[in-house]
Amino acid sequence: MIDVGIHRIADAAAAKALLGHDAARWQAFETKGSAIVGDCHPRVEETAGAWTPVPGGVGPVTSAILLKHVVDAAAANR
């Protein structure tokens, strides 16, 4: 599974739960008042086969290829 979703959080309690282990990201949250995070909880890193940072992980080429695969799969199942 590849999770390419992101969202912005502005709630300090949620940010502390998600970013508290990452001092640099927590400091950036405190400075900006918000942070961009992925849709998966950071604890998934413990069992995931691979993990990319958010922001900066999956790029537009990967997203385009994934979308092409979805379209091809949908066309094949008609």
PDB file of N, CA and C in Angstrom:
ATOM      1  N   MET A   1       0.836  -1.172   0.000  1.00  0.00           N
ATOM      2  CA  MET A   1       0.000   0.000   0.000  1.00  0.00           C
ATOM      3  C   MET A   1       0.884   1.239   0.000  1.00  0.00           C
ATOM      4  N   ILE A   2       0.491   2.218  -0.782  1.00  0.00           N
ATOM      5  CA  ILE A   2       1.196   3.496  -0.803  1.00  0.00           C
ATOM      6  C   ILE A   2       0.200   4.572  -0.416  1.00  0.00           C
ATOM      7  N   ASP A   3       0.507   5.279   0.648  1.00  0.00           N
ATOM      8  CA  ASP A   3      -0.349   6.361   1.122  1.00  0.00           C
ATOM      9  C   ASP A   3       0.233   7.666   0.625  1.00  0.00           C
ATOM     10  N   VAL A   4      -0.498   8.371  -0.219  1.00  0.00           N
ATOM     11  CA  VAL A   4       0.007   9.628  -0.762  1.00  0.00           C
ATOM     12  C   VAL A   4      -0.780  10.830  -0.234  1.00  0.00           C
ATOM     13  N   GLY A   5      -1.674  10.599   0.722  1.00  0.00           N
ATOM     14  CA  GLY A   5      -2.478  11.682   1.262  1.00  0.00           C
ATOM     15  C   GLY A   5      -1.740  12.492   2.319  1.00  0.00           C
ATOM     16  N   ILE A   6      -2.005  13.782   2.339  1.00  0.00           N
ATOM     17  CA  ILE A   6      -1.460  14.660   3.362  1.00  0.00           C
ATOM     18  C   ILE A   6      -2.544  15.611   3.822  1.00  0.00           C
ATOM     19  N   HIS A   7      -2.378  16.157   5.000  1.00  0.00           N
ATOM     20  CA  HIS A   7      -3.270  17.204   5.475  1.00  0.00           C
ATOM     21  C   HIS A   7      -2.526  18.074   6.481  1.00  0.00           C
ATOM     22  N   ARG A   8      -3.090  19.236   6.746  1.00  0.00           N
ATOM     23  CA  ARG A   8      -2.481  20.197   7.664  1.00  0.00           C
ATOM     24  C   ARG A   8      -3.183  20.083   9.014  1.00  0.00           C
ATOM     25  N   ILE A   9      -2.392  20.025  10.081  1.00  0.00           N
ATOM     26  CA  ILE A   9      -2.965  20.037  11.416  1.00  0.00           C
ATOM     27  C   ILE A   9      -2.575  21.337  12.113  1.00  0.00           C
ATOM     28  N   ALA A  10      -3.515  21.874  12.884  1.00  0.00           N
ATOM     29  CA  ALA A  10      -3.270  23.105  13.630  1.00  0.00           C
ATOM     30  C   ALA A  10      -3.561  22.914  15.116  1.00  0.00           C
ATOM     31  N   ASP A  11      -4.107  21.757  15.474  1.00  0.00           N
ATOM     32  CA  ASP A  11      -4.414  21.455  16.869  1.00  0.00           C
ATOM     33  C   ASP A  11      -3.141  21.031  17.604  1.00  0.00           C
ATOM     34  N   ALA A  12      -2.794  21.744  18.663  1.00  0.00           N
ATOM     35  CA  ALA A  12      -1.535  21.483  19.376  1.00  0.00           C
ATOM     36  C   ALA A  12      -1.488  20.089  19.983  1.00  0.00           C
ATOM     37  N   ALA A  13      -2.612  19.605  20.530  1.00  0.00           N
ATOM     38  CA  ALA A  13      -2.624  18.270  21.141  1.00  0.00           C
ATOM     39  C   ALA A  13      -2.381  17.187  20.092  1.00  0.00           C
ATOM     40  N   ALA A  14      -3.039  17.327  18.941  1.00  0.00           N
ATOM     41  CA  ALA A  14      -2.837  16.359  17.859  1.00  0.00           C
ATOM     42  C   ALA A  14      -1.410  16.430  17.348  1.00  0.00           C
ATOM     43  N   ALA A  15      -0.894  17.638  17.214  1.00  0.00           N
ATOM     44  CA  ALA A  15       0.488  17.801  16.743  1.00  0.00           C
ATOM     45  C   ALA A  15       1.469  17.184  17.715  1.00  0.00           C
ATOM     46  N   LYS A  16       1.261  17.364  19.002  1.00  0.00           N
ATOM     47  CA  LYS A  16       2.164  16.794  20.008  1.00  0.00           C
ATOM     48  C   LYS A  16       2.147  15.270  19.921  1.00  0.00           C
ATOM     49  N   ALA A  17       0.964  14.700  19.727  1.00  0.00           N
ATOM     50  CA  ALA A  17       0.855  13.239  19.620  1.00  0.00           C
ATOM     51  C   ALA A  17       1.564  12.715  18.381  1.00  0.00           C
ATOM     52  N   LEU A  18       1.470  13.449  17.278  1.00  0.00           N
ATOM     53  CA  LEU A  18       2.067  12.994  16.028  1.00  0.00           C
ATOM     54  C   LEU A  18       3.525  13.396  15.861  1.00  0.00           C
ATOM     55  N   LEU A  19       3.900  14.565  16.380  1.00  0.00           N
ATOM     56  CA  LEU A  19       5.234  15.105  16.116  1.00  0.00           C
ATOM     57  C   LEU A  19       6.135  15.156  17.340  1.00  0.00           C
ATOM     58  N   GLY A  20       5.614  14.802  18.489  1.00  0.00           N
ATOM     59  CA  GLY A  20       6.368  14.940  19.728  1.00  0.00           C
ATOM     60  C   GLY A  20       7.694  14.212  19.742  1.00  0.00           C
ATOM     61  N   HIS A  21       7.798  13.120  18.997  1.00  0.00           N
ATOM     62  CA  HIS A  21       9.046  12.349  18.929  1.00  0.00           C
ATOM     63  C   HIS A  21      10.088  13.001  18.021  1.00  0.00           C
ATOM     64  N   ASP A  22       9.658  13.968  17.218  1.00  0.00           N
ATOM     65  CA  ASP A  22      10.532  14.624  16.245  1.00  0.00           C
ATOM     66  C   ASP A  22      10.715  16.080  16.660  1.00  0.00           C
ATOM     67  N   ALA A  23      11.792  16.349  17.374  1.00  0.00           N
ATOM     68  CA  ALA A  23      12.004  17.672  17.962  1.00  0.00           C
ATOM     69  C   ALA A  23      12.000  18.789  16.927  1.00  0.00           C
ATOM     70  N   ALA A  24      12.589  18.570  15.778  1.00  0.00           N
ATOM     71  CA  ALA A  24      12.660  19.613  14.750  1.00  0.00           C
ATOM     72  C   ALA A  24      11.268  19.928  14.198  1.00  0.00           C
ATOM     73  N   ARG A  25      10.480  18.892  13.935  1.00  0.00           N
ATOM     74  CA  ARG A  25       9.127  19.133  13.403  1.00  0.00           C
ATOM     75  C   ARG A  25       8.218  19.754  14.452  1.00  0.00           C
ATOM     76  N   TRP A  26       8.380  19.351  15.717  1.00  0.00           N
ATOM     77  CA  TRP A  26       7.585  19.949  16.781  1.00  0.00           C
ATOM     78  C   TRP A  26       7.928  21.433  16.928  1.00  0.00           C
ATOM     79  N   GLN A  27       9.207  21.770  16.857  1.00  0.00           N
ATOM     80  CA  GLN A  27       9.641  23.161  16.935  1.00  0.00           C
ATOM     81  C   GLN A  27       9.063  23.966  15.766  1.00  0.00           C
ATOM     82  N   ALA A  28       9.074  23.372  14.578  1.00  0.00           N
ATOM     83  CA  ALA A  28       8.503  24.051  13.411  1.00  0.00           C
ATOM     84  C   ALA A  28       7.004  24.265  13.595  1.00  0.00           C
ATOM     85  N   PHE A  29       6.314  23.287  14.174  1.00  0.00           N
ATOM     86  CA  PHE A  29       4.886  23.445  14.446  1.00  0.00           C
ATOM     87  C   PHE A  29       4.655  24.605  15.406  1.00  0.00           C
ATOM     88  N   GLU A  30       5.433  24.652  16.467  1.00  0.00           N
ATOM     89  CA  GLU A  30       5.267  25.732  17.438  1.00  0.00           C
ATOM     90  C   GLU A  30       5.524  27.103  16.798  1.00  0.00           C
ATOM     91  N   THR A  31       6.454  27.175  15.888  1.00  0.00           N
ATOM     92  CA  THR A  31       6.772  28.434  15.217  1.00  0.00           C
ATOM     93  C   THR A  31       5.672  28.846  14.247  1.00  0.00           C
ATOM     94  N   LYS A  32       5.194  27.892  13.432  1.00  0.00           N
ATOM     95  CA  LYS A  32       4.213  28.199  12.387  1.00  0.00           C
ATOM     96  C   LYS A  32       2.770  28.092  12.854  1.00  0.00           C
ATOM     97  N   GLY A  33       2.529  27.259  13.868  1.00  0.00           N
ATOM     98  CA  GLY A  33       1.158  27.046  14.325  1.00  0.00           C
ATOM     99  C   GLY A  33       0.423  25.962  13.566  1.00  0.00           C
ATOM    100  N   SER A  34       1.113  25.301  12.647  1.00  0.00           N
ATOM    101  CA  SER A  34       0.516  24.190  11.909  1.00  0.00           C
ATOM    102  C   SER A  34       1.635  23.341  11.317  1.00  0.00           C
ATOM    103  N   ALA A  35       1.256  22.161  10.827  1.00  0.00           N
ATOM    104  CA  ALA A  35       2.226  21.261  10.197  1.00  0.00           C
ATOM    105  C   ALA A  35       1.507  20.405   9.169  1.00  0.00           C
ATOM    106  N   ILE A  36       2.225  20.007   8.139  1.00  0.00           N
ATOM    107  CA  ILE A  36       1.704  19.071   7.154  1.00  0.00           C
ATOM    108  C   ILE A  36       2.118  17.673   7.598  1.00  0.00           C
ATOM    109  N   VAL A  37       1.133  16.771   7.647  1.00  0.00           N
ATOM    110  CA  VAL A  37       1.384  15.395   8.070  1.00  0.00           C
ATOM    111  C   VAL A  37       0.752  14.443   7.072  1.00  0.00           C
ATOM    112  N   GLY A  38       1.192  13.206   7.093  1.00  0.00           N
ATOM    113  CA  GLY A  38       0.608  12.180   6.241  1.00  0.00           C
ATOM    114  C   GLY A  38      -0.657  11.623   6.852  1.00  0.00           C
ATOM    115  N   ASP A  39      -1.343  10.785   6.110  1.00  0.00           N
ATOM    116  CA  ASP A  39      -2.574  10.175   6.601  1.00  0.00           C
ATOM    117  C   ASP A  39      -2.312   8.992   7.524  1.00  0.00           C
ATOM    118  N   CYS A  40      -1.120   8.438   7.498  1.00  0.00           N
ATOM    119  CA  CYS A  40      -0.766   7.331   8.373  1.00  0.00           C
ATOM    120  C   CYS A  40      -0.135   7.860   9.655  1.00  0.00           C
ATOM    121  N   HIS A  41      -0.423   7.208  10.750  1.00  0.00           N
ATOM    122  CA  HIS A  41       0.200   7.580  12.020  1.00  0.00           C
ATOM    123  C   HIS A  41       1.677   7.209  11.959  1.00  0.00           C
ATOM    124  N   PRO A  42       2.563   8.027  12.537  1.00  0.00           N
ATOM    125  CA  PRO A  42       3.999   7.730  12.486  1.00  0.00           C
ATOM    126  C   PRO A  42       4.377   6.358  13.040  1.00  0.00           C
ATOM    127  N   ARG A  43       3.563   5.781  13.921  1.00  0.00           N
ATOM    128  CA  ARG A  43       3.885   4.453  14.461  1.00  0.00           C
ATOM    129  C   ARG A  43       3.853   3.365  13.399  1.00  0.00           C
ATOM    130  N   VAL A  44       3.194   3.621  12.251  1.00  0.00           N
ATOM    131  CA  VAL A  44       3.157   2.623  11.184  1.00  0.00           C
ATOM    132  C   VAL A  44       4.560   2.363  10.648  1.00  0.00           C
ATOM    133  N   GLU A  45       5.460   3.311  10.867  1.00  0.00           N
ATOM    134  CA  GLU A  45       6.850   3.150  10.430  1.00  0.00           C
ATOM    135  C   GLU A  45       7.490   1.895  11.028  1.00  0.00           C
ATOM    136  N   GLU A  46       7.032   1.497  12.208  1.00  0.00           N
ATOM    137  CA  GLU A  46       7.587   0.323  12.882  1.00  0.00           C
ATOM    138  C   GLU A  46       7.305  -0.971  12.126  1.00  0.00           C
ATOM    139  N   THR A  47       6.203  -1.021  11.353  1.00  0.00           N
ATOM    140  CA  THR A  47       5.841  -2.251  10.651  1.00  0.00           C
ATOM    141  C   THR A  47       5.797  -2.110   9.135  1.00  0.00           C
ATOM    142  N   ALA A  48       5.888  -0.896   8.638  1.00  0.00           N
ATOM    143  CA  ALA A  48       5.811  -0.673   7.187  1.00  0.00           C
ATOM    144  C   ALA A  48       7.073  -1.176   6.495  1.00  0.00           C
ATOM    145  N   GLY A  49       6.912  -1.591   5.258  1.00  0.00           N
ATOM    146  CA  GLY A  49       8.061  -2.021   4.483  1.00  0.00           C
ATOM    147  C   GLY A  49       8.946  -0.867   4.052  1.00  0.00           C
ATOM    148  N   ALA A  50       8.346   0.307   3.919  1.00  0.00           N
ATOM    149  CA  ALA A  50       9.087   1.507   3.528  1.00  0.00           C
ATOM    150  C   ALA A  50       8.325   2.716   4.041  1.00  0.00           C
ATOM    151  N   TRP A  51       9.024   3.811   4.194  1.00  0.00           N
ATOM    152  CA  TRP A  51       8.423   5.021   4.750  1.00  0.00           C
ATOM    153  C   TRP A  51       9.073   6.225   4.092  1.00  0.00           C
ATOM    154  N   THR A  52       8.277   7.162   3.622  1.00  0.00           N
ATOM    155  CA  THR A  52       8.831   8.391   3.051  1.00  0.00           C
ATOM    156  C   THR A  52       8.416   9.564   3.922  1.00  0.00           C
ATOM    157  N   PRO A  53       9.212  10.595   3.958  1.00  0.00           N
ATOM    158  CA  PRO A  53       8.895  11.734   4.813  1.00  0.00           C
ATOM    159  C   PRO A  53       7.722  12.557   4.270  1.00  0.00           C
ATOM    160  N   VAL A  54       7.066  13.269   5.174  1.00  0.00           N
ATOM    161  CA  VAL A  54       5.987  14.188   4.800  1.00  0.00           C
ATOM    162  C   VAL A  54       6.327  15.530   5.403  1.00  0.00           C
ATOM    163  N   PRO A  55       6.373  16.592   4.644  1.00  0.00           N
ATOM    164  CA  PRO A  55       6.300  16.624   3.188  1.00  0.00           C
ATOM    165  C   PRO A  55       7.613  16.181   2.564  1.00  0.00           C
ATOM    166  N   GLY A  56       7.609  15.948   1.273  1.00  0.00           N
ATOM    167  CA  GLY A  56       8.822  15.630   0.547  1.00  0.00           C
ATOM    168  C   GLY A  56       8.980  14.178   0.146  1.00  0.00           C
ATOM    169  N   GLY A  57       7.997  13.357   0.411  1.00  0.00           N
ATOM    170  CA  GLY A  57       8.125  11.936   0.111  1.00  0.00           C
ATOM    171  C   GLY A  57       7.757  11.595  -1.310  1.00  0.00           C
ATOM    172  N   VAL A  58       6.535  11.189  -1.530  1.00  0.00           N
ATOM    173  CA  VAL A  58       6.066  10.774  -2.851  1.00  0.00           C
ATOM    174  C   VAL A  58       5.900  12.021  -3.719  1.00  0.00           C
ATOM    175  N   GLY A  59       6.465  11.982  -4.903  1.00  0.00           N
ATOM    176  CA  GLY A  59       6.417  13.144  -5.786  1.00  0.00           C
ATOM    177  C   GLY A  59       5.405  13.003  -6.895  1.00  0.00           C
ATOM    178  N   PRO A  60       5.353  13.971  -7.778  1.00  0.00           N
ATOM    179  CA  PRO A  60       4.350  13.979  -8.841  1.00  0.00           C
ATOM    180  C   PRO A  60       4.505  12.835  -9.840  1.00  0.00           C
ATOM    181  N   VAL A  61       5.704  12.375 -10.095  1.00  0.00           N
ATOM    182  CA  VAL A  61       5.884  11.256 -11.037  1.00  0.00           C
ATOM    183  C   VAL A  61       5.295   9.986 -10.444  1.00  0.00           C
ATOM    184  N   THR A  62       5.571   9.725  -9.181  1.00  0.00           N
ATOM    185  CA  THR A  62       5.009   8.546  -8.516  1.00  0.00           C
ATOM    186  C   THR A  62       3.492   8.625  -8.514  1.00  0.00           C
ATOM    187  N   SER A  63       2.950   9.781  -8.189  1.00  0.00           N
ATOM    188  CA  SER A  63       1.496   9.953  -8.173  1.00  0.00           C
ATOM    189  C   SER A  63       0.900   9.712  -9.558  1.00  0.00           C
ATOM    190  N   ALA A  64       1.543  10.196 -10.609  1.00  0.00           N
ATOM    191  CA  ALA A  64       1.053  10.001 -11.972  1.00  0.00           C
ATOM    192  C   ALA A  64       1.083   8.519 -12.355  1.00  0.00           C
ATOM    193  N   ILE A  65       2.139   7.830 -11.991  1.00  0.00           N
ATOM    194  CA  ILE A  65       2.236   6.402 -12.314  1.00  0.00           C
ATOM    195  C   ILE A  65       1.171   5.611 -11.558  1.00  0.00           C
ATOM    196  N   LEU A  66       0.957   5.940 -10.289  1.00  0.00           N
ATOM    197  CA  LEU A  66      -0.086   5.259  -9.519  1.00  0.00           C
ATOM    198  C   LEU A  66      -1.458   5.491 -10.144  1.00  0.00           C
ATOM    199  N   LEU A  67      -1.730   6.716 -10.562  1.00  0.00           N
ATOM    200  CA  LEU A  67      -3.008   7.018 -11.191  1.00  0.00           C
ATOM    201  C   LEU A  67      -3.165   6.248 -12.498  1.00  0.00           C
ATOM    202  N   LYS A  68      -2.104   6.143 -13.284  1.00  0.00           N
ATOM    203  CA  LYS A  68      -2.156   5.375 -14.529  1.00  0.00           C
ATOM    204  C   LYS A  68      -2.476   3.909 -14.236  1.00  0.00           C
ATOM    205  N   HIS A  69      -1.873   3.356 -13.205  1.00  0.00           N
ATOM    206  CA  HIS A  69      -2.149   1.959 -12.845  1.00  0.00           C
ATOM    207  C   HIS A  69      -3.606   1.774 -12.440  1.00  0.00           C
ATOM    208  N   VAL A  70      -4.156   2.732 -11.718  1.00  0.00           N
ATOM    209  CA  VAL A  70      -5.565   2.644 -11.323  1.00  0.00           C
ATOM    210  C   VAL A  70      -6.460   2.683 -12.558  1.00  0.00           C
ATOM    211  N   VAL A  71      -6.189   3.591 -13.481  1.00  0.00           N
ATOM    212  CA  VAL A  71      -6.984   3.686 -14.715  1.00  0.00           C
ATOM    213  C   VAL A  71      -6.860   2.406 -15.526  1.00  0.00           C
ATOM    214  N   ASP A  72      -5.642   1.890 -15.660  1.00  0.00           N
ATOM    215  CA  ASP A  72      -5.450   0.630 -16.401  1.00  0.00           C
ATOM    216  C   ASP A  72      -6.193  -0.527 -15.749  1.00  0.00           C
ATOM    217  N   ALA A  73      -6.150  -0.608 -14.429  1.00  0.00           N
ATOM    218  CA  ALA A  73      -6.851  -1.685 -13.727  1.00  0.00           C
ATOM    219  C   ALA A  73      -8.347  -1.571 -13.902  1.00  0.00           C
ATOM    220  N   ALA A  74      -8.876  -0.348 -13.829  1.00  0.00           N
ATOM    221  CA  ALA A  74     -10.312  -0.135 -14.004  1.00  0.00           C
ATOM    222  C   ALA A  74     -10.733  -0.521 -15.431  1.00  0.00           C
ATOM    223  N   ALA A  75      -9.933  -0.167 -16.412  1.00  0.00           N
ATOM    224  CA  ALA A  75     -10.241  -0.496 -17.808  1.00  0.00           C
ATOM    225  C   ALA A  75     -10.206  -1.999 -18.028  1.00  0.00           C
ATOM    226  N   ALA A  76      -9.290  -2.684 -17.378  1.00  0.00           N
ATOM    227  CA  ALA A  76      -9.163  -4.139 -17.543  1.00  0.00           C
ATOM    228  C   ALA A  76     -10.326  -4.890 -16.891  1.00  0.00           C
ATOM    229  N   ASN A  77     -10.988  -4.271 -15.930  1.00  0.00           N
ATOM    230  CA  ASN A  77     -12.091  -4.933 -15.205  1.00  0.00           C
ATOM    231  C   ASN A  77     -13.463  -4.546 -15.702  1.00  0.00           C
ATOM    232  N   ARG A  78     -13.561  -3.966 -16.887  1.00  0.00           N
ATOM    233  CA  ARG A  78     -14.880  -3.591 -17.439  1.00  0.00           C
ATOM    234  C   ARG A  78     -15.605  -4.746 -17.985  1.00  0.00           C
TER     235      ARG A  78
END
